[in-house]
């Protein structure tokens, strides 16, 4: 993914800020922007984790625009080989899993996730 073109001098993306606003009606253009550009440095862990209603609906096959936008803006626990159960060793090496556990972006010394 390429660097976001909407980031201002303070490091904030106007599209990202709109999506995380509780009262905002998401647009297809905003969802496209979120999936087309890198926003990993802005993403925070979802407070609901695997119990997140948006995550549950999407995993169940849902395609609501607000749910898909939420999944682009917040980090959720990755589904493990056991569903949402105890992670396996391979899951623990997943950068998103490390972000959920530590709350800090993963870095391997070369790239950060």
Protein backbone atom coordinates (compact mmCIF):
# COMPACT_ATOMS: atom_id res chain seq x y z
CA UNK A 1 0.00 0.00 0.00
CA UNK A 2 1.16 3.50 -0.68
CA UNK A 3 1.37 6.34 1.83
CA UNK A 4 -1.91 8.13 2.53
CA UNK A 5 -2.40 11.27 0.46
CA UNK A 6 -4.81 12.87 2.96
CA UNK A 7 -2.41 13.14 5.91
CA UNK A 8 -1.95 16.72 7.13
CA UNK A 9 1.07 18.30 8.84
CA UNK A 10 0.01 16.88 12.22
CA UNK A 11 -0.07 13.31 10.88
CA UNK A 12 -3.86 13.00 10.81
CA UNK A 13 -5.83 11.65 7.87
CA UNK A 14 -9.14 13.44 7.38
CA UNK A 15 -10.78 10.28 5.98
CA UNK A 16 -9.58 8.18 8.93
CA UNK A 17 -10.84 10.80 11.38
CA UNK A 18 -14.28 10.80 9.73
CA UNK A 19 -14.55 7.02 9.88
CA UNK A 20 -13.70 6.79 13.57
CA UNK A 21 -16.18 9.56 14.46
CA UNK A 22 -19.17 7.90 16.09
CA UNK A 23 -21.79 10.01 14.32
CA UNK A 24 -20.37 9.83 10.79
CA UNK A 25 -22.17 8.13 7.90
CA UNK A 26 -19.44 6.20 6.11
CA UNK A 27 -19.13 6.46 2.35
CA UNK A 28 -17.91 3.96 -0.20
CA UNK A 29 -15.24 6.48 -1.22
CA UNK A 30 -13.91 6.61 2.35
CA UNK A 31 -13.81 2.79 2.55
CA UNK A 32 -11.94 2.70 -0.76
CA UNK A 33 -9.46 5.29 0.54
CA UNK A 34 -8.85 3.28 3.72
CA UNK A 35 -8.17 0.09 1.78
CA UNK A 36 -6.04 1.79 -0.88
CA UNK A 37 -3.61 3.62 1.43
CA UNK A 38 -1.54 2.65 4.45
CA UNK A 39 -3.09 3.79 7.76
CA UNK A 40 -1.42 1.28 10.08
CA UNK A 41 0.28 4.00 12.12
CA UNK A 42 -3.16 5.49 12.94
CA UNK A 43 -5.02 2.26 13.76
CA UNK A 44 -5.77 1.45 17.40
CA UNK A 45 -7.04 -1.77 18.94
CA UNK A 46 -10.84 -2.10 19.03
CA UNK A 47 -12.03 -2.01 22.64
CA UNK A 48 -14.44 -4.89 21.99
CA UNK A 49 -11.69 -7.20 20.61
CA UNK A 50 -13.18 -10.49 19.35
CA UNK A 51 -16.60 -9.56 20.77
CA UNK A 52 -16.84 -6.58 18.42
CA UNK A 53 -20.31 -6.55 16.83
CA UNK A 54 -18.92 -5.26 13.50
CA UNK A 55 -16.31 -8.03 13.41
CA UNK A 56 -18.90 -10.68 14.21
CA UNK A 57 -21.22 -9.47 11.46
CA UNK A 58 -18.45 -9.40 8.83
CA UNK A 59 -17.13 -12.83 9.86
CA UNK A 60 -20.71 -14.05 9.54
CA UNK A 61 -20.85 -12.80 5.95
CA UNK A 62 -22.17 -9.28 6.51
CA UNK A 63 -21.27 -6.45 4.17
CA UNK A 64 -22.53 -3.34 5.98
CA UNK A 65 -20.51 -0.29 4.96
CA UNK A 66 -20.10 0.93 8.54
CA UNK A 67 -18.82 -2.51 9.65
CA UNK A 68 -16.31 -2.74 6.80
CA UNK A 69 -15.10 0.80 7.52
CA UNK A 70 -14.74 -0.02 11.23
CA UNK A 71 -12.57 -3.04 10.37
CA UNK A 72 -10.31 -0.81 8.26
CA UNK A 73 -9.92 1.74 11.08
CA UNK A 74 -9.44 -0.54 14.10
CA UNK A 75 -7.28 -3.59 14.76
CA UNK A 76 -9.12 -6.74 15.81
CA UNK A 77 -7.73 -10.05 16.99
CA UNK A 78 -6.96 -12.17 13.96
CA UNK A 79 -8.99 -15.31 13.66
CA UNK A 80 -6.82 -18.17 14.78
CA UNK A 81 -6.73 -21.72 13.54
CA UNK A 82 -9.11 -22.35 16.46
CA UNK A 83 -11.58 -19.60 15.48
CA UNK A 84 -11.18 -16.85 18.10
CA UNK A 85 -9.79 -19.27 20.67
CA UNK A 86 -6.31 -19.67 22.07
CA UNK A 87 -3.69 -18.55 19.55
CA UNK A 88 -1.25 -21.00 18.09
CA UNK A 89 2.47 -20.30 17.75
CA UNK A 90 1.91 -19.12 14.16
CA UNK A 91 -0.76 -16.69 15.35
CA UNK A 92 1.62 -15.23 17.95
CA UNK A 93 4.03 -14.31 15.15
CA UNK A 94 1.31 -12.29 13.41
CA UNK A 95 2.00 -8.50 13.67
CA UNK A 96 -1.69 -7.71 14.28
CA UNK A 97 -1.81 -10.27 17.10
CA UNK A 98 1.22 -8.59 18.71
CA UNK A 99 -0.48 -5.18 18.43
CA UNK A 100 -3.57 -6.54 20.18
CA UNK A 101 -1.52 -8.06 23.01
CA UNK A 102 0.95 -5.23 23.60
CA UNK A 103 -0.93 -2.22 22.26
CA UNK A 104 2.26 -1.20 20.44
CA UNK A 105 2.95 -1.43 16.71
CA UNK A 106 5.12 -4.38 15.77
CA UNK A 107 8.54 -3.69 14.35
CA UNK A 108 11.15 -6.18 13.21
CA UNK A 109 13.89 -3.57 12.82
CA UNK A 110 13.22 -3.15 9.10
CA UNK A 111 9.51 -2.44 8.82
CA UNK A 112 6.77 -1.59 11.27
CA UNK A 113 3.27 -2.93 11.08
